[in-house]
Amino acid sequence: MIIRQWIRLCLLLPVFWIVTAHADSNTQTLPADSVYQTVLSLRDQNGQAFTLASLRGHPVLISLFYASCQSACPLNIQAIQHIRAAVKVRTHHSAPPVILISFDPDHDTVPALSMVATMHQLTAPVWRLARPEHGDVRAFAATLGVSYRKRPNGDFSHNIEIALLDADGRLVAETSEVNAPDPTFVAAIIHAMRPEKDH
């Protein structure tokens, strides 16, 4: 029995080392200014767990919100939809995917996120609405220029920032314009979508 357990352990150890090395590689070689250095564990509207570092490899649009918001957050979502549409018109290619991170994890459960996604027709994997499960979401919000404060009635006062991250999670552009797509921001997205050799 002891020999059998030893053999099983010897077979499992290489697998453990490979998985650990792969997880570490997501963060070890990140640029110092990458927001993917932030330790933030997330869960999306479909219940799938992921980390910021797992987004590495392609540009993403990222912003913060809370599910019960009735004013600024719907405008934010609409603004991102218009930005993505403007990119599609100019390039004939789909714009980068979108990550919306809640700063109200106490109330924004997976079903609540799913309800918002359904209401606004935001389909995964292009749109991922996520709740933080571990990590400092306030510190992460600050890196994107977002500040928020909870009101006595449970709502939040907050500003809107839509950020473009490059393939390594570096902040390359941001906008707070919600009335119409910001031409400079749209141009930055198109530039980020080009192959590395064209940069």
Protein backbone atom coordinates (compact mmCIF):
# COMPACT_ATOMS: atom_id res chain seq x y z
CA MET A 1 0.00 0.00 0.00
CA ILE A 2 2.81 2.43 0.91
CA ILE A 3 4.63 1.69 -2.34
CA ARG A 4 1.44 2.27 -4.34
CA GLN A 5 0.87 5.64 -2.63
CA TRP A 6 4.48 6.63 -3.30
CA ILE A 7 4.11 5.79 -7.00
CA ARG A 8 0.90 7.82 -7.20
CA LEU A 9 2.62 10.80 -5.54
CA CYS A 10 5.54 10.57 -7.97
CA LEU A 11 3.13 10.61 -10.90
CA LEU A 12 1.21 13.62 -9.57
CA LEU A 13 4.17 15.84 -8.68
CA PRO A 14 5.21 16.63 -12.29
CA VAL A 15 1.61 17.62 -13.06
CA PHE A 16 1.55 19.93 -10.03
CA TRP A 17 4.84 21.53 -11.06
CA ILE A 18 3.59 22.10 -14.61
CA VAL A 19 0.32 23.71 -13.45
CA THR A 20 2.14 25.88 -10.90
CA ALA A 21 4.73 26.98 -13.42
CA HIS A 22 2.01 27.87 -15.93
CA ALA A 23 0.10 29.96 -13.36
CA ASP A 24 3.27 31.76 -12.28
CA SER A 25 4.24 32.49 -15.89
CA ASN A 26 1.11 34.63 -16.26
CA THR A 27 2.52 37.17 -13.82
CA GLN A 28 6.29 36.65 -13.70
CA THR A 29 7.01 38.20 -17.09
CA LEU A 30 4.41 40.97 -16.96
CA PRO A 31 5.65 44.55 -17.45
CA ALA A 32 6.00 46.52 -14.23
CA ASP A 33 3.21 48.90 -15.30
CA SER A 34 0.72 46.14 -16.14
CA VAL A 35 -2.54 46.27 -14.20
CA TYR A 36 -2.50 42.47 -14.45
CA GLN A 37 0.02 42.60 -11.60
CA THR A 38 -3.03 43.29 -9.40
CA VAL A 39 -4.12 40.23 -7.46
CA LEU A 40 -7.84 40.14 -8.17
CA SER A 41 -9.88 36.96 -8.47
CA LEU A 42 -13.13 37.33 -10.38
CA ARG A 43 -16.26 35.36 -11.25
CA ASP A 44 -18.36 36.23 -14.30
CA GLN A 45 -22.08 36.16 -15.08
CA ASN A 46 -21.84 32.50 -16.06
CA GLY A 47 -20.18 31.53 -12.78
CA GLN A 48 -16.76 31.08 -14.37
CA ALA A 49 -13.79 32.02 -12.18
CA PHE A 50 -10.84 33.87 -13.70
CA THR A 51 -8.05 36.29 -12.84
CA LEU A 52 -6.93 39.53 -14.40
CA ALA A 53 -3.70 37.90 -15.54
CA SER A 54 -5.69 35.32 -17.52
CA LEU A 55 -6.82 38.13 -19.86
CA ARG A 56 -3.29 38.51 -21.16
CA GLY A 57 -2.67 38.03 -24.86
CA HIS A 58 -5.01 40.50 -26.54
CA PRO A 59 -6.36 44.03 -25.95
CA VAL A 60 -9.40 44.42 -23.72
CA LEU A 61 -11.82 47.19 -22.82
CA ILE A 62 -12.37 47.39 -19.10
CA SER A 63 -14.57 49.46 -16.81
CA LEU A 64 -16.28 49.31 -13.42
CA PHE A 65 -19.97 49.36 -12.52
CA TYR A 66 -22.57 48.00 -10.13
CA ALA A 67 -25.58 45.97 -11.16
CA SER A 68 -28.38 47.94 -9.50
CA CYS A 69 -27.25 51.28 -10.97
CA GLN A 70 -30.07 52.96 -12.88
CA SER A 71 -28.26 55.93 -14.40
CA ALA A 72 -24.51 56.12 -15.03
CA CYS A 73 -23.83 52.41 -15.49
CA PRO A 74 -26.40 51.83 -18.26
CA LEU A 75 -24.93 54.88 -20.01
CA ASN A 76 -21.48 53.37 -19.57
CA ILE A 77 -22.58 50.09 -21.15
CA GLN A 78 -24.25 51.92 -24.02
CA ALA A 79 -21.12 54.01 -24.58
CA ILE A 80 -18.97 50.87 -24.84
CA GLN A 81 -21.45 49.34 -27.29
CA HIS A 82 -21.19 52.46 -29.46
CA ILE A 83 -17.40 52.42 -29.24
CA ARG A 84 -17.26 48.80 -30.35
CA ALA A 85 -19.66 49.55 -33.20
CA ALA A 86 -17.48 52.47 -34.35
CA VAL A 87 -14.42 50.20 -34.38
CA LYS A 88 -16.33 47.59 -36.40
CA VAL A 89 -17.38 50.21 -38.97
CA ARG A 90 -13.81 51.43 -39.44
CA THR A 91 -12.02 48.07 -39.44
CA HIS A 92 -14.65 45.49 -40.42
CA HIS A 93 -13.34 43.48 -37.47
CA SER A 94 -14.78 42.94 -34.02
CA ALA A 95 -13.51 45.26 -31.32
CA PRO A 96 -11.71 43.84 -28.26
CA PRO A 97 -13.77 42.04 -25.62
CA VAL A 98 -15.16 43.88 -22.60
CA ILE A 99 -14.68 43.25 -18.89
CA LEU A 100 -17.04 45.05 -16.51
CA ILE A 101 -16.00 44.63 -12.87
CA SER A 102 -18.44 45.30 -10.05
CA PHE A 103 -17.41 47.39 -7.06
CA ASP A 104 -20.46 46.11 -5.13
CA PRO A 105 -19.65 42.41 -4.64
CA ASP A 106 -21.85 42.22 -1.53
CA HIS A 107 -24.92 42.51 -3.76
CA ASP A 108 -23.70 41.69 -7.25
CA THR A 109 -24.08 37.95 -7.20
CA VAL A 110 -23.68 35.79 -10.29
CA PRO A 111 -27.49 35.83 -10.87
CA ALA A 112 -27.52 39.64 -10.55
CA LEU A 113 -24.73 39.94 -13.11
CA SER A 114 -26.52 37.50 -15.40
CA MET A 115 -29.69 39.58 -15.18
CA VAL A 116 -27.82 42.73 -16.25
CA ALA A 117 -26.18 40.85 -19.11
CA THR A 118 -29.56 39.59 -20.30
CA MET A 119 -31.19 43.02 -19.94
CA HIS A 120 -28.54 44.68 -22.11
CA GLN A 121 -27.99 41.69 -24.44
CA LEU A 122 -24.35 41.35 -23.39
CA THR A 123 -23.20 37.91 -24.46
CA ALA A 124 -20.11 36.06 -23.26
CA PRO A 125 -17.29 35.71 -24.07
CA VAL A 126 -17.30 39.16 -25.70
CA TRP A 127 -18.84 40.70 -22.60
CA ARG A 128 -17.88 39.44 -19.15
CA LEU A 129 -19.55 41.01 -16.14
CA ALA A 130 -17.57 40.02 -13.08
CA ARG A 131 -17.67 40.24 -9.31
CA PRO A 132 -14.41 40.35 -7.32
CA GLU A 133 -14.08 37.43 -4.91
CA HIS A 134 -10.56 38.10 -3.62
CA GLY A 135 -8.34 41.16 -3.81
CA ASP A 136 -8.67 44.92 -3.38
CA VAL A 137 -11.16 46.15 -5.99
CA ARG A 138 -10.93 49.74 -4.71
CA ALA A 139 -7.18 49.81 -5.34
CA PHE A 140 -7.73 48.33 -8.80
CA ALA A 141 -10.41 50.93 -9.55
CA ALA A 142 -7.97 53.66 -8.57
CA THR A 143 -5.45 52.43 -11.16
CA LEU A 144 -8.11 53.07 -13.81
CA GLY A 145 -9.03 56.47 -12.38
CA VAL A 146 -12.36 55.32 -10.96
CA SER A 147 -13.49 56.46 -7.53
CA TYR A 148 -16.73 55.50 -5.83
CA ARG A 149 -18.52 56.14 -2.55
CA LYS A 150 -21.50 54.34 -1.07
CA ARG A 151 -24.46 56.53 -0.20
CA PRO A 152 -26.69 55.97 2.85
CA ASN A 153 -29.45 54.59 0.57
CA GLY A 154 -27.15 51.86 -0.76
CA ASP A 155 -26.48 53.47 -4.14
CA PHE A 156 -23.02 54.61 -5.18
CA SER A 157 -21.71 57.89 -6.44
CA HIS A 158 -18.95 57.19 -8.95
CA ASN A 159 -17.32 58.44 -12.12
CA ILE A 160 -17.10 56.65 -15.46
CA GLU A 161 -13.83 55.60 -17.02
CA ILE A 162 -13.52 53.21 -19.94
CA ALA A 163 -9.99 51.92 -20.28
CA LEU A 164 -8.14 50.17 -23.08
CA LEU A 165 -5.51 47.68 -21.97
CA ASP A 166 -2.95 46.26 -24.37
CA ALA A 167 -2.09 42.58 -24.63
CA ASP A 168 0.10 42.81 -21.52
CA GLY A 169 -2.41 44.73 -19.43
CA ARG A 170 -0.85 48.17 -19.79
CA LEU A 171 -3.21 51.13 -19.75
CA VAL A 172 -2.83 52.72 -23.20
CA ALA A 173 -5.96 54.88 -23.46
CA GLU A 174 -9.05 55.87 -21.52
CA THR A 175 -12.17 57.92 -21.98
CA SER A 176 -15.05 59.20 -19.88
CA GLU A 177 -17.11 60.31 -22.89
CA VAL A 178 -20.52 58.63 -22.94
CA ASN A 179 -22.48 60.80 -25.38
CA ALA A 180 -20.63 59.70 -28.51
CA PRO A 181 -17.57 57.56 -29.29
CA ASP A 182 -14.37 59.44 -28.48
CA PRO A 183 -12.44 59.53 -31.82
CA THR A 184 -9.07 59.46 -30.07
CA PHE A 185 -10.10 56.45 -28.01
CA VAL A 186 -11.47 54.63 -31.05
CA ALA A 187 -8.20 55.30 -32.91
CA ALA A 188 -6.23 53.89 -29.95
CA ILE A 189 -8.30 50.70 -30.05
CA ILE A 190 -7.69 50.27 -33.77
CA HIS A 191 -3.97 50.78 -33.25
CA ALA A 192 -3.94 48.21 -30.42
CA MET A 193 -5.68 45.68 -32.66
CA ARG A 194 -2.91 45.75 -35.25
CA PRO A 195 -0.37 42.92 -35.33
CA GLU A 196 2.71 43.54 -33.19
CA LYS A 197 4.90 44.05 -36.25
CA ASP A 198 2.73 47.01 -37.34
CA HIS A 199 3.11 48.87 -34.03
